[in-house]
Amino acid sequence: MQAQEDANHIKIMQLRSLCMIAERGTVSDAAEDLFRTQSAVTRSIRDLEHTLATPLFERHASGMLLTENGKCVLPRAQRALQELKQIPALLARFKLRESMRDDAEPIWLFNVRRLQIFLRLFHLQHTQSVASSLSISQPAVSAALKVLEKGANVVLFQRSPRGMQPTAAAREMAPHISRALNEIRHIPEDLAAQQGVLQGTVHIGALPLCRSVLLPRAITRLVTAHPAIKVVTNESAFSTLITELRAGDLDLIVGALRHDSNVTDIDNRPLFSEELVLLARPQHPLAGRTLSAADLADTQWILPRENSPARHLLEHAFATLDIPAPKPVVESGDLAIVRGLLMDSDMVAAVSWHQLEYELKSGALQPLSFTLPDTRRDIGITLRAGALHSPATLALIECISAEAHPSAT
């Protein structure tokens, strides 16, 4: 997409000039604070305006004023720079670079390609793989790493039989670098929205409960209204998804909410709540009649994965009923596997109604007449607190809310 191509050509030093001119009001004052020549700062802004194909400042005799598009770009630029500027203090706090001046800007971080190389190496842990994925030479990867380690004054990767292993310092840096690059990624999308065009890519963490009905309908609604938007889903475990959300690699997670009052960097937005139900095929011996706990004694169970929220709710429900928690013959969060097992056997599964809504409506599966107490849970959207959401992400959130509450639209 054009927006992503534009983002790849934005330079962090250009954004640094933009922020300083916006703060100081003139090129001369900005140049003085940046320790650069006026011509270099002027050229930096001109190149950024060329990349984004829009004026960012109005030039006046008294100074420079941001245009409306300049005001649109500024918050992203400030957030990206702030993420990077936090890294030296973070390293100092962990006593990794005591010799660094606290007020010195980390110029060694102000290079998009260098940061991309760092993140690829952080995830792939193999220099040749990084070089191939970015279409650069292996010496270029090594050179970028050398600059970063010199700037950080600490080893970021250690060679091992398993590849290049990130050190503790690299693990501390990675989320900040990822968030900075993701802020830059959204700049062209923000500008397009200023012109009434929603475009760009939305990255969604899709938990099992929302995959069958809610998300497909919301995505269909979104791309029908805004065909320039691309949606990418990630079906990993929640622990992986929440890490990627915090790093800015995911824009949102949709599914069962995890409430924790001690977590302050996550914003949970409930959409609705529902209880777990017991499902089986219509020909199941327990189908069509009211059941007691004793009727379930010899049941073969399909249960959610151990330590998952749904599993904890289920175990609590059986404890409330004062009966032993069932021992599963199958543990799975994969709906295709659960569906196939239920339709081809006399197993019973404890799931949310939404997960197998199509099968329930068609009669291929049916709920058993047995109530599981205290299994109600909130379903909704999980976001990074304080994030500046892209226009495409906001549009998807609206579509998800509309599908969750169709009577309100």
Protein backbone atom coordinates (compact mmCIF):
# COMPACT_ATOMS: atom_id res chain seq x y z
CA MET A 1 0.00 0.00 0.00
CA GLN A 2 1.10 3.57 -0.69
CA ALA A 3 0.78 4.54 2.97
CA GLN A 4 3.28 1.87 4.02
CA GLU A 5 5.68 2.86 1.24
CA ASP A 6 5.53 6.47 2.46
CA ALA A 7 6.16 5.40 6.05
CA ASN A 8 9.27 3.49 4.97
CA HIS A 9 10.77 6.73 3.62
CA ILE A 10 10.07 8.91 6.66
CA LYS A 11 13.27 9.70 8.53
CA ILE A 12 13.35 10.09 12.30
CA MET A 13 15.71 13.05 12.01
CA GLN A 14 13.07 14.75 9.84
CA LEU A 15 10.46 14.19 12.54
CA ARG A 16 12.93 15.57 15.08
CA SER A 17 13.22 18.78 13.02
CA LEU A 18 9.43 18.98 12.70
CA CYS A 19 8.93 18.74 16.45
CA MET A 20 11.61 21.29 17.25
CA ILE A 21 10.34 23.88 14.74
CA ALA A 22 6.81 23.40 16.07
CA GLU A 23 8.13 24.01 19.59
CA ARG A 24 10.49 26.92 18.85
CA GLY A 25 8.59 28.63 16.04
CA THR A 26 11.52 29.39 13.73
CA VAL A 27 14.08 27.42 11.76
CA SER A 28 16.96 29.39 13.28
CA ASP A 29 15.92 28.66 16.86
CA ALA A 30 15.25 25.02 16.03
CA ALA A 31 18.62 24.68 14.32
CA GLU A 32 20.35 26.12 17.37
CA ASP A 33 18.68 23.63 19.70
CA LEU A 34 19.34 20.74 17.33
CA PHE A 35 23.00 21.72 16.82
CA ARG A 36 22.44 21.70 13.06
CA THR A 37 22.70 24.33 10.36
CA GLN A 38 19.58 26.20 9.27
CA SER A 39 19.97 24.86 5.75
CA ALA A 40 20.07 21.27 7.05
CA VAL A 41 16.89 21.78 9.09
CA THR A 42 15.15 23.48 6.16
CA ARG A 43 16.15 20.65 3.84
CA SER A 44 14.95 18.08 6.38
CA ILE A 45 11.46 19.62 6.46
CA ARG A 46 11.36 20.02 2.69
CA ASP A 47 12.22 16.34 2.22
CA LEU A 48 9.58 15.27 4.74
CA GLU A 49 6.95 17.38 2.99
CA HIS A 50 7.97 15.80 -0.31
CA THR A 51 7.68 12.29 1.14
CA LEU A 52 4.24 12.99 2.59
CA ALA A 53 3.18 15.08 -0.44
CA THR A 54 1.79 17.88 1.70
CA PRO A 55 2.94 21.18 3.26
CA LEU A 56 3.51 20.83 6.99
CA PHE A 57 4.30 24.48 7.76
CA GLU A 58 3.15 27.91 6.67
CA ARG A 59 6.18 30.11 6.11
CA HIS A 60 5.90 33.65 7.50
CA ALA A 61 8.41 36.42 8.09
CA SER A 62 7.90 35.99 11.82
CA GLY A 63 8.35 32.23 11.78
CA MET A 64 6.78 28.86 10.92
CA LEU A 65 3.22 27.78 11.73
CA LEU A 66 1.95 24.24 11.41
CA THR A 67 -0.62 23.59 8.70
CA GLU A 68 -3.62 21.37 9.50
CA ASN A 69 -1.69 18.42 8.10
CA GLY A 70 1.33 19.45 10.14
CA LYS A 71 -0.84 19.40 13.26
CA CYS A 72 -1.97 15.92 12.23
CA VAL A 73 1.61 14.61 11.93
CA LEU A 74 3.01 16.27 15.06
CA PRO A 75 1.46 14.00 17.75
CA ARG A 76 2.76 10.85 16.05
CA ALA A 77 6.20 12.39 15.62
CA GLN A 78 6.33 13.43 19.27
CA ARG A 79 5.21 10.01 20.49
CA ALA A 80 7.78 8.20 18.31
CA LEU A 81 10.61 10.40 19.56
CA GLN A 82 9.47 10.10 23.16
CA GLU A 83 9.55 6.31 22.97
CA LEU A 84 13.14 6.41 21.74
CA LYS A 85 14.23 9.06 24.22
CA GLN A 86 13.08 6.85 27.10
CA ILE A 87 15.58 4.14 26.18
CA PRO A 88 18.79 5.74 27.58
CA ALA A 89 17.14 6.38 30.95
CA LEU A 90 15.83 2.83 30.92
CA LEU A 91 19.31 1.46 30.31
CA ALA A 92 20.75 3.75 32.98
CA ARG A 93 18.14 2.57 35.48
CA PHE A 94 19.31 -0.97 34.93
CA LYS A 95 22.90 0.28 35.38
CA LEU A 96 23.77 -0.62 31.82
CA ARG A 97 25.33 2.68 30.74
CA GLU A 98 26.28 4.86 33.66
CA SER A 99 28.61 7.02 31.56
CA MET A 100 25.84 8.55 29.45
CA ARG A 101 24.64 12.12 30.03
CA ASP A 102 21.00 12.05 31.11
CA ASP A 103 20.09 14.96 28.82
CA ALA A 104 21.82 13.64 25.69
CA GLU A 105 19.55 12.67 22.81
CA PRO A 106 20.01 9.08 21.57
CA ILE A 107 20.97 10.01 18.00
CA TRP A 108 22.15 6.42 17.52
CA LEU A 109 18.49 5.38 17.65
CA PHE A 110 17.24 7.96 15.14
CA ASN A 111 17.46 5.74 12.06
CA VAL A 112 14.45 3.77 10.85
CA ARG A 113 16.41 1.08 8.99
CA ARG A 114 18.69 0.51 11.99
CA LEU A 115 15.65 0.04 14.23
CA GLN A 116 14.03 -2.31 11.72
CA ILE A 117 17.20 -4.41 11.69
CA PHE A 118 17.21 -4.51 15.50
CA LEU A 119 13.61 -5.74 15.68
CA ARG A 120 14.08 -8.34 12.95
CA LEU A 121 17.16 -9.68 14.72
CA PHE A 122 15.30 -9.60 18.03
CA HIS A 123 12.60 -11.87 16.58
CA LEU A 124 14.52 -13.98 14.03
CA GLN A 125 17.79 -14.26 16.00
CA HIS A 126 19.77 -15.01 12.84
CA THR A 127 21.69 -12.37 10.89
CA GLN A 128 21.36 -14.04 7.49
CA SER A 129 17.60 -14.38 7.93
CA VAL A 130 17.39 -10.69 8.82
CA ALA A 131 19.45 -9.75 5.78
CA SER A 132 17.25 -11.84 3.48
CA SER A 133 14.00 -10.50 4.93
CA LEU A 134 15.11 -6.88 4.47
CA SER A 135 16.92 -7.45 1.14
CA ILE A 136 20.23 -6.18 2.52
CA SER A 137 23.66 -7.73 3.03
CA GLN A 138 24.71 -9.57 6.16
CA PRO A 139 27.55 -7.05 6.76
CA ALA A 140 24.90 -4.29 6.76
CA VAL A 141 23.10 -6.09 9.57
CA SER A 142 26.33 -6.43 11.53
CA ALA A 143 27.19 -2.76 10.96
CA ALA A 144 23.80 -1.60 12.23
CA LEU A 145 24.13 -3.78 15.33
CA LYS A 146 27.60 -2.38 15.97
CA VAL A 147 26.26 1.20 15.91
CA LEU A 148 23.44 0.31 18.29
CA GLU A 149 25.69 -1.49 20.75
CA LYS A 150 28.18 1.36 20.70
CA GLY A 151 25.40 3.87 21.35
CA ALA A 152 23.86 1.76 24.09
CA ASN A 153 27.28 0.96 25.55
CA VAL A 154 26.10 -2.57 26.21
CA VAL A 155 25.92 -5.92 24.42
CA LEU A 156 22.48 -6.36 22.86
CA PHE A 157 22.85 -9.85 21.36
CA GLN A 158 24.99 -12.82 22.32
CA ARG A 159 26.00 -15.56 19.90
CA SER A 160 24.89 -19.06 20.87
CA PRO A 161 24.25 -22.41 19.15
CA ARG A 162 20.61 -21.26 18.83
CA GLY A 163 21.55 -18.02 17.10
CA MET A 164 21.78 -14.41 18.24
CA GLN A 165 20.11 -14.33 21.65
CA PRO A 166 18.77 -10.94 22.88
CA THR A 167 20.24 -9.76 26.17
CA ALA A 168 18.20 -8.22 28.99
CA ALA A 169 19.05 -4.78 27.59
CA ALA A 170 17.68 -5.70 24.17
CA ARG A 171 14.50 -7.04 25.73
CA GLU A 172 13.99 -3.74 27.54
CA MET A 173 14.58 -1.71 24.38
CA ALA A 174 12.43 -3.75 21.99
CA PRO A 175 8.92 -2.58 23.03
CA HIS A 176 9.93 1.09 22.84
CA ILE A 177 11.50 0.66 19.41
CA SER A 178 8.49 -1.27 18.18
CA ARG A 179 6.06 1.40 19.41
CA ALA A 180 8.16 4.16 17.82
CA LEU A 181 8.15 2.47 14.42
CA ASN A 182 4.44 1.78 14.65
CA GLU A 183 3.74 5.45 15.37
CA ILE A 184 5.67 6.34 12.21
CA ARG A 185 3.77 3.66 10.28
CA HIS A 186 0.48 5.39 11.03
CA ILE A 187 1.50 8.89 9.85
CA PRO A 188 0.48 8.44 6.18
CA GLU A 189 -2.78 6.81 7.30
CA ASP A 190 -3.58 9.80 9.52
CA LEU A 191 -2.96 12.19 6.62
CA ALA A 192 -5.15 10.16 4.28
CA ALA A 193 -7.96 10.30 6.83
CA GLN A 194 -7.63 14.10 6.80
CA GLN A 195 -8.68 13.88 3.14
CA GLY A 196 -11.59 11.56 3.94
CA VAL A 197 -9.86 8.33 2.86
CA LEU A 198 -9.43 5.51 5.37
CA GLN A 199 -6.52 3.23 4.48
CA GLY A 200 -3.72 1.26 6.08
CA THR A 201 -3.51 -2.02 7.95
CA VAL A 202 -5.26 -3.01 11.17
CA HIS A 203 -3.63 -5.81 13.17
CA ILE A 204 -6.09 -7.74 15.34
CA GLY A 205 -5.49 -10.29 18.05
CA ALA A 206 -8.38 -12.73 17.62
CA LEU A 207 -9.24 -14.84 20.66
CA PRO A 208 -11.33 -17.99 20.07
CA LEU A 209 -14.68 -16.63 21.20
CA CYS A 210 -14.90 -13.92 18.54
CA ARG A 211 -13.54 -15.79 15.52
CA SER A 212 -16.72 -17.48 14.30
CA VAL A 213 -19.23 -14.63 14.11
CA LEU A 214 -18.37 -11.27 15.65
CA LEU A 215 -15.04 -10.56 13.97
CA PRO A 216 -15.94 -11.87 10.49
CA ARG A 217 -19.06 -9.71 10.44
CA ALA A 218 -17.22 -6.65 11.75
CA ILE A 219 -14.39 -7.07 9.23
CA THR A 220 -16.88 -7.48 6.39
CA ARG A 221 -18.64 -4.30 7.47
CA LEU A 222 -15.31 -2.45 7.66
CA VAL A 223 -13.82 -3.43 4.29
CA THR A 224 -17.16 -2.96 2.53
CA ALA A 225 -17.28 0.65 3.72
CA HIS A 226 -13.52 1.24 3.36
CA PRO A 227 -11.99 -1.05 0.71
CA ALA A 228 -8.52 0.52 1.06
CA ILE A 229 -8.15 -0.95 4.56
CA LYS A 230 -6.36 -4.25 5.04
CA VAL A 231 -6.98 -6.44 8.10
CA VAL A 232 -4.46 -8.91 9.51
CA THR A 233 -5.52 -11.32 12.27
CA ASN A 234 -3.30 -13.09 14.79
CA GLU A 235 -4.70 -16.20 16.51
CA SER A 236 -1.89 -16.75 19.03
CA ALA A 237 -2.35 -17.40 22.74
CA PHE A 238 -3.39 -14.43 24.88
CA SER A 239 0.05 -14.16 26.50
CA THR A 240 1.60 -13.61 23.06
CA LEU A 241 -1.14 -11.25 21.91
CA ILE A 242 -0.91 -8.99 24.96
CA THR A 243 2.87 -8.70 24.51
CA GLU A 244 2.39 -7.66 20.89
CA LEU A 245 -0.35 -5.21 21.87
CA ARG A 246 1.94 -3.54 24.39
CA ALA A 247 4.63 -3.25 21.70
CA GLY A 248 2.20 -1.64 19.27
CA ASP A 249 2.41 -4.57 16.84
CA LEU A 250 -1.28 -5.27 17.45
CA ASP A 251 -3.88 -2.52 17.38
CA LEU A 252 -6.45 -4.38 19.48
CA ILE A 253 -7.46 -7.77 20.85
CA VAL A 254 -11.04 -9.03 20.62
CA GLY A 255 -12.43 -11.77 22.86
CA ALA A 256 -12.86 -12.64 26.53
CA LEU A 257 -11.53 -9.83 28.72
CA ARG A 258 -8.94 -10.36 31.46
CA HIS A 259 -9.69 -8.00 34.33
CA ASP A 260 -6.76 -7.14 36.60
CA SER A 261 -6.85 -3.99 38.72
CA ASN A 262 -3.06 -4.08 39.00
CA VAL A 263 -2.61 -3.67 35.23
CA THR A 264 -2.73 0.02 34.32
CA ASP A 265 -1.40 0.01 30.75
CA ILE A 266 -4.34 -1.95 29.29
CA ASP A 267 -7.81 -0.62 28.50
CA ASN A 268 -10.64 -3.18 28.51
CA ARG A 269 -13.90 -2.20 26.81
CA PRO A 270 -16.74 -4.68 27.48
CA LEU A 271 -19.23 -5.28 24.66
CA PHE A 272 -21.46 -7.96 26.19
CA SER A 273 -21.27 -10.87 28.59
CA GLU A 274 -22.33 -14.50 28.35
CA GLU A 275 -22.10 -17.81 30.14
CA LEU A 276 -20.52 -21.12 29.24
CA VAL A 277 -22.87 -23.82 27.96
CA LEU A 278 -22.52 -27.57 27.52
CA LEU A 279 -22.80 -28.64 23.88
CA ALA A 280 -23.23 -32.03 22.21
CA ARG A 281 -24.64 -33.47 19.00
CA PRO A 282 -28.44 -33.95 18.80
CA GLN A 283 -28.08 -37.77 18.91
CA HIS A 284 -26.16 -37.63 22.20
CA PRO A 285 -27.67 -39.86 24.96
CA LEU A 286 -27.91 -36.83 27.27
CA ALA A 287 -29.65 -34.57 24.74
CA GLY A 288 -33.28 -33.52 25.11
CA ARG A 289 -33.74 -33.98 28.85
CA THR A 290 -33.01 -32.18 32.10
CA LEU A 291 -29.75 -33.38 33.56
CA SER A 292 -28.36 -33.82 37.05
CA ALA A 293 -24.74 -33.83 38.12
CA ALA A 294 -24.88 -37.62 38.32
CA ASP A 295 -25.83 -37.81 34.62
CA LEU A 296 -22.50 -36.23 33.72
CA ALA A 297 -20.38 -38.68 35.71
CA ASP A 298 -19.29 -40.85 32.77
CA THR A 299 -19.07 -38.07 30.18
CA GLN A 300 -16.06 -37.70 27.93
CA TRP A 301 -15.12 -34.03 28.10
CA ILE A 302 -13.57 -31.53 25.70
CA LEU A 303 -12.34 -28.64 27.82
CA PRO A 304 -10.53 -25.34 27.25
CA ARG A 305 -6.77 -25.36 27.78
CA GLU A 306 -5.48 -25.63 31.32
CA ASN A 307 -5.00 -22.25 33.06
CA SER A 308 -7.20 -20.45 30.51
CA PRO A 309 -9.91 -18.12 31.92
CA ALA A 310 -12.67 -20.39 30.59
CA ARG A 311 -11.11 -23.41 32.29
CA HIS A 312 -10.89 -21.55 35.61
CA LEU A 313 -14.56 -20.55 35.33
CA LEU A 314 -15.55 -24.13 34.59
CA GLU A 315 -13.60 -25.53 37.53
CA HIS A 316 -15.17 -22.89 39.79
CA ALA A 317 -18.64 -23.83 38.53
CA PHE A 318 -18.18 -27.48 39.43
CA ALA A 319 -16.76 -26.52 42.81
CA THR A 320 -19.91 -24.44 43.39
CA LEU A 321 -21.99 -27.51 42.54
CA ASP A 322 -19.86 -29.46 45.03
CA ILE A 323 -18.86 -32.05 42.44
CA PRO A 324 -15.35 -32.91 41.17
CA ALA A 325 -14.10 -30.99 38.17
CA PRO A 326 -14.25 -33.14 35.01
CA LYS A 327 -11.12 -34.73 33.61
CA PRO A 328 -10.85 -33.94 29.90
CA VAL A 329 -10.04 -36.49 27.24
CA VAL A 330 -9.26 -33.54 24.94
CA GLU A 331 -7.96 -30.05 25.76
CA SER A 332 -8.31 -27.64 22.85
CA GLY A 333 -9.05 -24.03 21.98
CA ASP A 334 -9.31 -24.81 18.27
CA LEU A 335 -12.94 -24.51 17.17
CA ALA A 336 -12.51 -26.73 14.12
CA ILE A 337 -11.23 -29.57 16.32
CA VAL A 338 -13.94 -29.05 18.96
CA ARG A 339 -16.65 -28.93 16.28
CA GLY A 340 -15.41 -32.11 14.59
CA LEU A 341 -15.16 -34.04 17.85
CA LEU A 342 -18.65 -33.02 18.98
CA MET A 343 -20.30 -33.90 15.67
CA ASP A 344 -18.57 -37.28 15.32
CA SER A 345 -18.69 -38.57 18.91
CA ASP A 346 -20.59 -38.48 22.19
CA MET A 347 -18.14 -36.08 23.79
CA VAL A 348 -19.38 -32.92 25.53
CA ALA A 349 -17.74 -29.50 25.38
CA ALA A 350 -18.07 -26.47 27.63
CA VAL A 351 -17.88 -23.40 25.38
CA SER A 352 -19.41 -20.01 24.77
CA TRP A 353 -22.56 -19.87 22.64
CA HIS A 354 -20.88 -17.41 20.25
CA GLN A 355 -18.06 -19.81 19.47
CA LEU A 356 -20.34 -22.31 17.70
CA GLU A 357 -23.32 -20.10 16.89
CA TYR A 358 -23.72 -21.35 13.32
CA GLU A 359 -23.81 -25.00 14.41
CA LEU A 360 -26.36 -24.22 17.13
CA LYS A 361 -28.64 -22.29 14.79
CA SER A 362 -28.46 -25.02 12.14
CA GLY A 363 -29.19 -27.76 14.67
CA ALA A 364 -25.89 -29.55 14.04
CA LEU A 365 -25.15 -29.12 17.76
CA GLN A 366 -27.38 -28.35 20.70
CA PRO A 367 -27.00 -27.19 24.31
CA LEU A 368 -27.54 -29.72 27.06
CA SER A 369 -30.06 -28.89 29.77
CA PHE A 370 -27.58 -28.29 32.57
CA THR A 371 -26.74 -24.88 34.02
CA LEU A 372 -23.16 -24.00 34.86
CA PRO A 373 -23.27 -21.42 37.69
CA ASP A 374 -21.05 -18.33 37.85
CA THR A 375 -19.52 -18.73 34.39
CA ARG A 376 -20.58 -15.34 33.03
CA ARG A 377 -17.67 -13.38 31.57
CA ASP A 378 -17.18 -10.11 29.73
CA ILE A 379 -16.47 -10.17 26.02
CA GLY A 380 -14.96 -7.09 24.46
CA ILE A 381 -12.03 -5.16 23.05
CA THR A 382 -8.62 -4.89 24.70
CA LEU A 383 -6.53 -1.82 23.81
CA ARG A 384 -3.26 -0.27 24.91
CA ALA A 385 -4.05 2.50 27.37
CA GLY A 386 -3.02 5.91 26.07
CA ALA A 387 -2.51 4.70 22.51
CA LEU A 388 -3.25 7.07 19.63
CA HIS A 389 -5.36 4.76 17.50
CA SER A 390 -5.17 4.97 13.73
CA PRO A 391 -8.32 6.03 11.83
CA ALA A 392 -8.64 2.50 10.44
CA THR A 393 -8.46 1.02 13.94
CA LEU A 394 -11.14 3.42 15.20
CA ALA A 395 -13.34 2.46 12.25
CA LEU A 396 -12.95 -1.24 13.08
CA ILE A 397 -13.79 -0.60 16.73
CA GLU A 398 -17.01 1.08 15.57
CA CYS A 399 -17.82 -1.89 13.34
CA ILE A 400 -17.20 -4.38 16.16
CA SER A 401 -19.44 -2.38 18.50
CA ALA A 402 -22.14 -2.19 15.83
CA GLU A 403 -22.08 -5.97 15.30
CA ALA A 404 -22.10 -6.62 19.05
CA HIS A 405 -25.17 -4.37 19.45
CA PRO A 406 -27.06 -4.66 16.14
CA SER A 407 -30.30 -3.28 17.62
CA ALA A 408 -28.53 0.02 18.32
CA THR A 409 -27.55 0.59 14.68
